[in-house]
Amino acid sequence: MERQTPKNENTEFKDLPDVKIDPEKEVPSQKHFSKKTGIIIGLFLVLIVLFGAGYFMLQSRQQPAKPQEKETQEETKKEPEDTTPPTFVGMQDRIVVELNALDVDLTKYFLAIDENKQVKVQVTGDVNLAAEGEYPIVVSATDEAGNKAEHNVTVQVVSENTMSTGIEFSCYIDGSIPLEAGTKQRLMANVIYFYYQDQNPEIQQKINELQIDVSQYPTQTTWHPSMQQTTPTV
C-alpha cells in the first residue's frame, strides 16, 4: 500500500549542496585591536607614569629637610665678606738700630694680628745699616681676604757716640735687641752700658694670650735683658 503525502507537507524543497564542516579548520572568534587603539593606550600609560613621577618629586620637595641636609645647606650659604684689615699691636712710628748691627730683621719689630692669629709682616724701603741716618719704610700686613693695613715708620741708625746721648735702642717683639758684634761682647762683659727699650707690655700680653712662638727671634747677635742679672744703666 502506497503512502500518500499530505497536502500540507512542503514537497517543493530544492536539493541543496552538501556542506561539510571541518572542525580542525574552525577558528574561534578573536578580538583584534586596531593600530590606532594601541597607540592611544600606550600614550595613556606614558601619561600615567609621568604624572606619578611628577607627583613624587613634588611631595619630596615639600617634605622638610633632614638635619644633615639642613647642615649642608647652611654650610653652602655664603659667609659674610671680611672687610676688616689686620691690627698692629703696640705699633711704633720710629725704630732705633745700632750702626752696623748684625742680622737685623725689621719685620721682627712689629706684631700684626687678624682674627686672633699672627699675620705675616712685610717691610718695603731701603735702610743702610752701615750709614748713620734716618730711613723711611712702609710696614704692612695683609690677611687671607686681601685686607691690608700699613704704616709709615722711620728707621734711625745710630752710632756708639749717639748712644751716649740717652737714645733708646728698639727691641724685637720678644724683647731681644740686634747689636754689632763688638758691642754685644763689651755689654756682656759689663764694659759698656746703653739705653734700650723695654718690651711693649701690650705686645707681651698678646704673645702670651695667643701663644705666639717667638723662639726664632733671638739670634747669636742679639742681646736680651735676661742675659745678665743686672739691668744695664748709664
C-alpha atoms as a PDB file:
ATOM      1  CA  MET A   1       0.000   0.000   0.000  1.00  0.00           C
ATOM      2  CA  GLU A   2       1.445   3.278  -1.026  1.00  0.00           C
ATOM      3  CA  ARG A   3       1.847   6.098   1.413  1.00  0.00           C
ATOM      4  CA  GLN A   4       0.144   9.252   0.388  1.00  0.00           C
ATOM      5  CA  THR A   5       1.760  12.558   1.011  1.00  0.00           C
ATOM      6  CA  PRO A   6      -0.341  15.002   2.888  1.00  0.00           C
ATOM      7  CA  LYS A   7      -1.294  18.052   1.007  1.00  0.00           C
ATOM      8  CA  ASN A   8       0.081  20.421   3.615  1.00  0.00           C
ATOM      9  CA  GLU A   9       3.586  18.899   3.528  1.00  0.00           C
ATOM     10  CA  ASN A  10       6.092  21.023   1.566  1.00  0.00           C
ATOM     11  CA  THR A  11       7.354  18.963  -1.251  1.00  0.00           C
ATOM     12  CA  GLU A  12       8.938  21.811  -3.173  1.00  0.00           C
ATOM     13  CA  PHE A  13      12.380  21.908  -1.387  1.00  0.00           C
ATOM     14  CA  LYS A  14      15.156  22.023  -3.870  1.00  0.00           C
ATOM     15  CA  ASP A  15      18.184  19.973  -3.475  1.00  0.00           C
ATOM     16  CA  LEU A  16      20.869  21.879  -1.518  1.00  0.00           C
ATOM     17  CA  PRO A  17      24.588  21.249  -1.901  1.00  0.00           C
ATOM     18  CA  ASP A  18      26.227  19.294   0.798  1.00  0.00           C
ATOM     19  CA  VAL A  19      28.070  21.472   3.304  1.00  0.00           C
ATOM     20  CA  LYS A  20      30.969  19.928   5.130  1.00  0.00           C
ATOM     21  CA  ILE A  21      32.372  21.462   8.308  1.00  0.00           C
ATOM     22  CA  ASP A  22      35.964  20.705   9.157  1.00  0.00           C
ATOM     23  CA  PRO A  23      36.313  21.119  12.933  1.00  0.00           C
ATOM     24  CA  GLU A  24      40.104  21.408  12.650  1.00  0.00           C
ATOM     25  CA  LYS A  25      39.882  24.444  10.411  1.00  0.00           C
ATOM     26  CA  GLU A  26      37.308  26.183  12.519  1.00  0.00           C
ATOM     27  CA  VAL A  27      38.934  29.201  14.272  1.00  0.00           C
ATOM     28  CA  PRO A  28      37.314  30.615  17.373  1.00  0.00           C
ATOM     29  CA  SER A  29      36.362  34.203  17.190  1.00  0.00           C
ATOM     30  CA  GLN A  30      39.145  36.638  18.392  1.00  0.00           C
ATOM     31  CA  LYS A  31      39.069  40.327  19.207  1.00  0.00           C
ATOM     32  CA  HIS A  32      41.579  42.421  17.284  1.00  0.00           C
ATOM     33  CA  PHE A  33      42.734  45.963  18.302  1.00  0.00           C
ATOM     34  CA  SER A  34      43.499  48.423  15.597  1.00  0.00           C
ATOM     35  CA  LYS A  35      46.949  50.170  15.462  1.00  0.00           C
ATOM     36  CA  LYS A  36      45.336  53.489  16.400  1.00  0.00           C
ATOM     37  CA  THR A  37      43.814  51.973  19.528  1.00  0.00           C
ATOM     38  CA  GLY A  38      47.223  50.584  20.573  1.00  0.00           C
ATOM     39  CA  ILE A  39      48.882  53.977  20.217  1.00  0.00           C
ATOM     40  CA  ILE A  40      46.202  55.646  22.332  1.00  0.00           C
ATOM     41  CA  ILE A  41      46.607  53.050  25.090  1.00  0.00           C
ATOM     42  CA  GLY A  42      50.395  53.450  25.008  1.00  0.00           C
ATOM     43  CA  LEU A  43      50.178  57.242  25.315  1.00  0.00           C
ATOM     44  CA  PHE A  44      47.745  56.867  28.170  1.00  0.00           C
ATOM     45  CA  LEU A  45      50.176  54.630  30.067  1.00  0.00           C
ATOM     46  CA  VAL A  46      53.057  57.066  29.466  1.00  0.00           C
ATOM     47  CA  LEU A  47      50.944  59.914  30.836  1.00  0.00           C
ATOM     48  CA  ILE A  48      50.186  57.906  33.956  1.00  0.00           C
ATOM     49  CA  VAL A  49      53.894  57.212  34.547  1.00  0.00           C
ATOM     50  CA  LEU A  50      54.850  60.874  34.029  1.00  0.00           C
ATOM     51  CA  PHE A  51      52.087  62.071  36.322  1.00  0.00           C
ATOM     52  CA  GLY A  52      53.181  59.651  39.053  1.00  0.00           C
ATOM     53  CA  ALA A  53      56.829  60.739  38.785  1.00  0.00           C
ATOM     54  CA  GLY A  54      55.882  64.414  38.909  1.00  0.00           C
ATOM     55  CA  TYR A  55      53.695  63.882  41.953  1.00  0.00           C
ATOM     56  CA  PHE A  56      56.507  62.012  43.720  1.00  0.00           C
ATOM     57  CA  MET A  57      59.021  64.811  43.039  1.00  0.00           C
ATOM     58  CA  LEU A  58      56.556  67.435  44.273  1.00  0.00           C
ATOM     59  CA  GLN A  59      55.983  65.541  47.503  1.00  0.00           C
ATOM     60  CA  SER A  60      59.743  65.153  48.030  1.00  0.00           C
ATOM     61  CA  ARG A  61      60.310  68.903  47.716  1.00  0.00           C
ATOM     62  CA  GLN A  62      57.526  69.698  50.153  1.00  0.00           C
ATOM     63  CA  GLN A  63      58.946  67.399  52.825  1.00  0.00           C
ATOM     64  CA  PRO A  64      61.114  69.148  55.469  1.00  0.00           C
ATOM     65  CA  ALA A  65      64.860  68.705  55.005  1.00  0.00           C
ATOM     66  CA  LYS A  66      66.609  66.219  57.229  1.00  0.00           C
ATOM     67  CA  PRO A  67      69.020  67.569  59.877  1.00  0.00           C
ATOM     68  CA  GLN A  68      72.041  66.511  57.833  1.00  0.00           C
ATOM     69  CA  GLU A  69      70.600  68.194  54.731  1.00  0.00           C
ATOM     70  CA  LYS A  70      69.963  71.370  56.723  1.00  0.00           C
ATOM     71  CA  GLU A  71      73.580  71.425  57.923  1.00  0.00           C
ATOM     72  CA  THR A  72      74.810  71.007  54.350  1.00  0.00           C
ATOM     73  CA  GLN A  73      72.600  73.856  53.166  1.00  0.00           C
ATOM     74  CA  GLU A  74      73.835  76.129  55.952  1.00  0.00           C
ATOM     75  CA  GLU A  75      77.456  75.331  55.105  1.00  0.00           C
ATOM     76  CA  THR A  76      76.901  76.239  51.472  1.00  0.00           C
ATOM     77  CA  LYS A  77      75.495  79.635  52.393  1.00  0.00           C
ATOM     78  CA  LYS A  78      77.849  82.434  51.552  1.00  0.00           C
ATOM     79  CA  GLU A  79      79.854  83.594  54.525  1.00  0.00           C
ATOM     80  CA  PRO A  80      79.887  87.315  55.346  1.00  0.00           C
ATOM     81  CA  GLU A  81      82.608  89.158  53.491  1.00  0.00           C
ATOM     82  CA  ASP A  82      85.664  90.027  55.579  1.00  0.00           C
ATOM     83  CA  THR A  83      86.473  93.717  55.183  1.00  0.00           C
ATOM     84  CA  THR A  84      88.476  94.238  58.382  1.00  0.00           C
ATOM     85  CA  PRO A  85      92.256  94.639  57.928  1.00  0.00           C
ATOM     86  CA  PRO A  86      94.795  93.221  60.394  1.00  0.00           C
ATOM     87  CA  THR A  87      95.651  95.168  63.530  1.00  0.00           C
ATOM     88  CA  PHE A  88      99.165  96.129  64.615  1.00  0.00           C
ATOM     89  CA  VAL A  89      99.737  95.639  68.337  1.00  0.00           C
ATOM     90  CA  GLY A  90     101.864  98.241  70.128  1.00  0.00           C
ATOM     91  CA  MET A  91     102.645  99.970  66.839  1.00  0.00           C
ATOM     92  CA  GLN A  92     105.513 102.484  66.916  1.00  0.00           C
ATOM     93  CA  ASP A  93     106.455 105.008  64.259  1.00  0.00           C
ATOM     94  CA  ARG A  94     110.233 105.008  64.954  1.00  0.00           C
ATOM     95  CA  ILE A  95     112.755 102.164  65.220  1.00  0.00           C
ATOM     96  CA  VAL A  96     116.275 102.810  66.551  1.00  0.00           C
ATOM     97  CA  VAL A  97     119.002 100.410  65.379  1.00  0.00           C
ATOM     98  CA  GLU A  98     122.727 100.381  66.127  1.00  0.00           C
ATOM     99  CA  LEU A  99     125.128 101.209  63.327  1.00  0.00           C
ATOM    100  CA  ASN A 100     126.492  98.009  61.725  1.00  0.00           C
ATOM    101  CA  ALA A 101     124.144  95.811  63.746  1.00  0.00           C
ATOM    102  CA  LEU A 102     124.161  92.206  62.513  1.00  0.00           C
ATOM    103  CA  ASP A 103     121.300  90.081  61.184  1.00  0.00           C
ATOM    104  CA  VAL A 104     118.701  92.838  61.555  1.00  0.00           C
ATOM    105  CA  ASP A 105     115.185  91.728  60.564  1.00  0.00           C
ATOM    106  CA  LEU A 106     112.908  94.762  60.519  1.00  0.00           C
ATOM    107  CA  THR A 107     109.753  92.627  60.423  1.00  0.00           C
ATOM    108  CA  LYS A 108     110.567  91.328  63.923  1.00  0.00           C
ATOM    109  CA  TYR A 109     109.901  94.765  65.407  1.00  0.00           C
ATOM    110  CA  PHE A 110     106.168  94.535  64.582  1.00  0.00           C
ATOM    111  CA  LEU A 111     103.251  92.295  65.545  1.00  0.00           C
ATOM    112  CA  ALA A 112     100.132  92.121  63.324  1.00  0.00           C
ATOM    113  CA  ILE A 113      97.022  90.204  64.379  1.00  0.00           C
ATOM    114  CA  ASP A 114      93.926  89.154  62.407  1.00  0.00           C
ATOM    115  CA  GLU A 115      91.140  87.068  63.950  1.00  0.00           C
ATOM    116  CA  ASN A 116      93.387  86.090  66.855  1.00  0.00           C
ATOM    117  CA  LYS A 117      96.160  84.856  64.573  1.00  0.00           C
ATOM    118  CA  GLN A 118      99.554  86.348  63.813  1.00  0.00           C
ATOM    119  CA  VAL A 119      99.787  87.767  60.302  1.00  0.00           C
ATOM    120  CA  LYS A 120     102.976  87.985  58.282  1.00  0.00           C
ATOM    121  CA  VAL A 121     104.529  91.469  58.294  1.00  0.00           C
ATOM    122  CA  GLN A 122     106.185  92.975  55.233  1.00  0.00           C
ATOM    123  CA  VAL A 123     108.591  95.915  55.102  1.00  0.00           C
ATOM    124  CA  THR A 124     109.344  97.968  51.999  1.00  0.00           C
ATOM    125  CA  GLY A 125     112.057 100.589  51.805  1.00  0.00           C
ATOM    126  CA  ASP A 126     115.847 100.781  51.809  1.00  0.00           C
ATOM    127  CA  VAL A 127     117.785 101.026  55.056  1.00  0.00           C
ATOM    128  CA  ASN A 128     121.577 101.339  55.114  1.00  0.00           C
ATOM    129  CA  LEU A 129     122.777  99.948  58.413  1.00  0.00           C
ATOM    130  CA  ALA A 130     126.327 100.989  57.557  1.00  0.00           C
ATOM    131  CA  ALA A 131     125.476 104.707  57.499  1.00  0.00           C
ATOM    132  CA  GLU A 132     124.053 106.737  60.340  1.00  0.00           C
ATOM    133  CA  GLY A 133     120.824 108.483  59.461  1.00  0.00           C
ATOM    134  CA  GLU A 134     117.037 108.184  59.192  1.00  0.00           C
ATOM    135  CA  TYR A 135     115.324 105.973  56.621  1.00  0.00           C
ATOM    136  CA  PRO A 136     111.584 105.848  55.825  1.00  0.00           C
ATOM    137  CA  ILE A 137     109.938 102.446  55.416  1.00  0.00           C
ATOM    138  CA  VAL A 138     106.381 101.154  54.973  1.00  0.00           C
ATOM    139  CA  VAL A 139     105.235  98.356  57.261  1.00  0.00           C
ATOM    140  CA  SER A 140     102.230  96.350  56.069  1.00  0.00           C
ATOM    141  CA  ALA A 141     100.229  93.211  56.789  1.00  0.00           C
ATOM    142  CA  THR A 142      97.596  91.513  54.612  1.00  0.00           C
ATOM    143  CA  ASP A 143      95.039  88.944  55.755  1.00  0.00           C
ATOM    144  CA  GLU A 144      93.641  85.973  53.801  1.00  0.00           C
ATOM    145  CA  ALA A 145      90.754  88.074  52.467  1.00  0.00           C
ATOM    146  CA  GLY A 146      93.153  90.588  50.963  1.00  0.00           C
ATOM    147  CA  ASN A 147      92.540  93.334  53.510  1.00  0.00           C
ATOM    148  CA  LYS A 148      95.705  95.345  54.045  1.00  0.00           C
ATOM    149  CA  ALA A 149      96.954  97.554  56.858  1.00  0.00           C
ATOM    150  CA  GLU A 150     100.070  99.672  56.529  1.00  0.00           C
ATOM    151  CA  HIS A 151     102.005 102.288  58.482  1.00  0.00           C
ATOM    152  CA  ASN A 152     104.818 104.686  57.721  1.00  0.00           C
ATOM    153  CA  VAL A 153     107.784 104.158  60.024  1.00  0.00           C
ATOM    154  CA  THR A 154     111.217 105.792  60.351  1.00  0.00           C
ATOM    155  CA  VAL A 155     114.294 103.657  60.983  1.00  0.00           C
ATOM    156  CA  GLN A 156     117.018 105.615  62.754  1.00  0.00           C
ATOM    157  CA  VAL A 157     120.529 104.169  62.549  1.00  0.00           C
ATOM    158  CA  VAL A 158     122.758 105.486  65.357  1.00  0.00           C
ATOM    159  CA  SER A 159     126.445 105.176  66.188  1.00  0.00           C
ATOM    160  CA  GLU A 160     128.077 104.493  69.566  1.00  0.00           C
ATOM    161  CA  ASN A 161     128.576 108.222  70.099  1.00  0.00           C
ATOM    162  CA  THR A 162     124.862 108.842  69.624  1.00  0.00           C
ATOM    163  CA  MET A 163     124.123 106.025  72.052  1.00  0.00           C
ATOM    164  CA  SER A 164     125.682 108.095  74.864  1.00  0.00           C
ATOM    165  CA  THR A 165     123.042 110.807  74.441  1.00  0.00           C
ATOM    166  CA  GLY A 166     120.428 108.593  76.043  1.00  0.00           C
ATOM    167  CA  ILE A 167     118.632 107.399  72.915  1.00  0.00           C
ATOM    168  CA  GLU A 168     116.978 104.007  73.382  1.00  0.00           C
ATOM    169  CA  PHE A 169     117.541 101.044  71.104  1.00  0.00           C
ATOM    170  CA  SER A 170     114.331  99.426  69.894  1.00  0.00           C
ATOM    171  CA  CYS A 171     113.710  95.767  70.633  1.00  0.00           C
ATOM    172  CA  TYR A 172     112.017  92.952  68.724  1.00  0.00           C
ATOM    173  CA  ILE A 173     108.555  91.901  69.884  1.00  0.00           C
ATOM    174  CA  ASP A 174     110.198  89.279  72.140  1.00  0.00           C
ATOM    175  CA  GLY A 175     112.417  91.891  73.817  1.00  0.00           C
ATOM    176  CA  SER A 176     115.717  90.973  72.124  1.00  0.00           C
ATOM    177  CA  ILE A 177     117.918  93.648  70.502  1.00  0.00           C
ATOM    178  CA  PRO A 178     120.188  93.217  67.445  1.00  0.00           C
ATOM    179  CA  LEU A 179     123.680  94.628  68.004  1.00  0.00           C
ATOM    180  CA  GLU A 180     127.051  94.989  66.384  1.00  0.00           C
ATOM    181  CA  ALA A 181     129.260  92.029  67.384  1.00  0.00           C
ATOM    182  CA  GLY A 182     131.765  94.043  69.412  1.00  0.00           C
ATOM    183  CA  THR A 183     129.009  95.895  71.242  1.00  0.00           C
ATOM    184  CA  LYS A 184     127.439  92.664  72.441  1.00  0.00           C
ATOM    185  CA  GLN A 185     130.775  91.339  73.728  1.00  0.00           C
ATOM    186  CA  ARG A 186     131.536  94.503  75.699  1.00  0.00           C
ATOM    187  CA  LEU A 187     127.995  94.596  77.002  1.00  0.00           C
ATOM    188  CA  MET A 188     128.207  91.029  78.257  1.00  0.00           C
ATOM    189  CA  ALA A 189     131.479  91.934  79.989  1.00  0.00           C
ATOM    190  CA  ASN A 190     129.833  94.983  81.577  1.00  0.00           C
ATOM    191  CA  VAL A 191     132.374  97.224  79.856  1.00  0.00           C
ATOM    192  CA  ILE A 192     129.717  99.481  78.328  1.00  0.00           C
ATOM    193  CA  TYR A 193     126.131 100.302  79.047  1.00  0.00           C
ATOM    194  CA  PHE A 194     123.380 101.733  76.876  1.00  0.00           C
ATOM    195  CA  TYR A 195     119.755 102.684  76.943  1.00  0.00           C
ATOM    196  CA  TYR A 196     117.263 100.265  75.482  1.00  0.00           C
ATOM    197  CA  GLN A 197     113.566  99.987  75.063  1.00  0.00           C
ATOM    198  CA  ASP A 198     111.666  97.556  77.289  1.00  0.00           C
ATOM    199  CA  GLN A 199     109.392  95.011  75.698  1.00  0.00           C
ATOM    200  CA  ASN A 200     105.984  96.538  74.988  1.00  0.00           C
ATOM    201  CA  PRO A 201     103.531  95.236  77.658  1.00  0.00           C
ATOM    202  CA  GLU A 202     100.678  95.137  75.144  1.00  0.00           C
ATOM    203  CA  ILE A 203     102.733  93.025  72.753  1.00  0.00           C
ATOM    204  CA  GLN A 204     103.895  90.762  75.570  1.00  0.00           C
ATOM    205  CA  GLN A 205     100.300  90.213  76.691  1.00  0.00           C
ATOM    206  CA  LYS A 206      99.159  89.363  73.163  1.00  0.00           C
ATOM    207  CA  ILE A 207     102.052  86.912  72.715  1.00  0.00           C
ATOM    208  CA  ASN A 208     101.066  85.130  75.916  1.00  0.00           C
ATOM    209  CA  GLU A 209      97.356  85.230  75.109  1.00  0.00           C
ATOM    210  CA  LEU A 210      97.682  83.767  71.606  1.00  0.00           C
ATOM    211  CA  GLN A 211     100.694  81.593  72.493  1.00  0.00           C
ATOM    212  CA  ILE A 212     102.732  83.041  69.641  1.00  0.00           C
ATOM    213  CA  ASP A 213     106.025  81.258  69.054  1.00  0.00           C
ATOM    214  CA  VAL A 214     108.892  83.771  69.242  1.00  0.00           C
ATOM    215  CA  SER A 215     111.640  81.226  69.810  1.00  0.00           C
ATOM    216  CA  GLN A 216     113.221  82.068  66.452  1.00  0.00           C
ATOM    217  CA  TYR A 217     113.519  85.787  67.147  1.00  0.00           C
ATOM    218  CA  PRO A 218     116.732  85.754  69.237  1.00  0.00           C
ATOM    219  CA  THR A 219     119.977  85.008  67.373  1.00  0.00           C
ATOM    220  CA  GLN A 220     123.643  84.805  68.278  1.00  0.00           C
ATOM    221  CA  THR A 221     123.991  88.505  67.524  1.00  0.00           C
ATOM    222  CA  THR A 222     121.027  89.710  69.606  1.00  0.00           C
ATOM    223  CA  TRP A 223     121.051  90.664  73.254  1.00  0.00           C
ATOM    224  CA  HIS A 224     118.227  90.241  75.757  1.00  0.00           C
ATOM    225  CA  PRO A 225     117.904  91.750  79.252  1.00  0.00           C
ATOM    226  CA  SER A 226     117.590  88.239  80.646  1.00  0.00           C
ATOM    227  CA  MET A 227     121.218  87.559  79.636  1.00  0.00           C
ATOM    228  CA  GLN A 228     122.543  89.361  82.672  1.00  0.00           C
ATOM    229  CA  GLN A 229     121.269  89.774  86.176  1.00  0.00           C
ATOM    230  CA  THR A 230     121.849  93.499  86.433  1.00  0.00           C
ATOM    231  CA  THR A 231     119.943  95.770  84.076  1.00  0.00           C
ATOM    232  CA  PRO A 232     122.391  97.920  82.085  1.00  0.00           C
ATOM    233  CA  THR A 233     122.342 101.601  83.040  1.00  0.00           C
ATOM    234  CA  VAL A 234     124.374 104.629  82.085  1.00  0.00           C
END
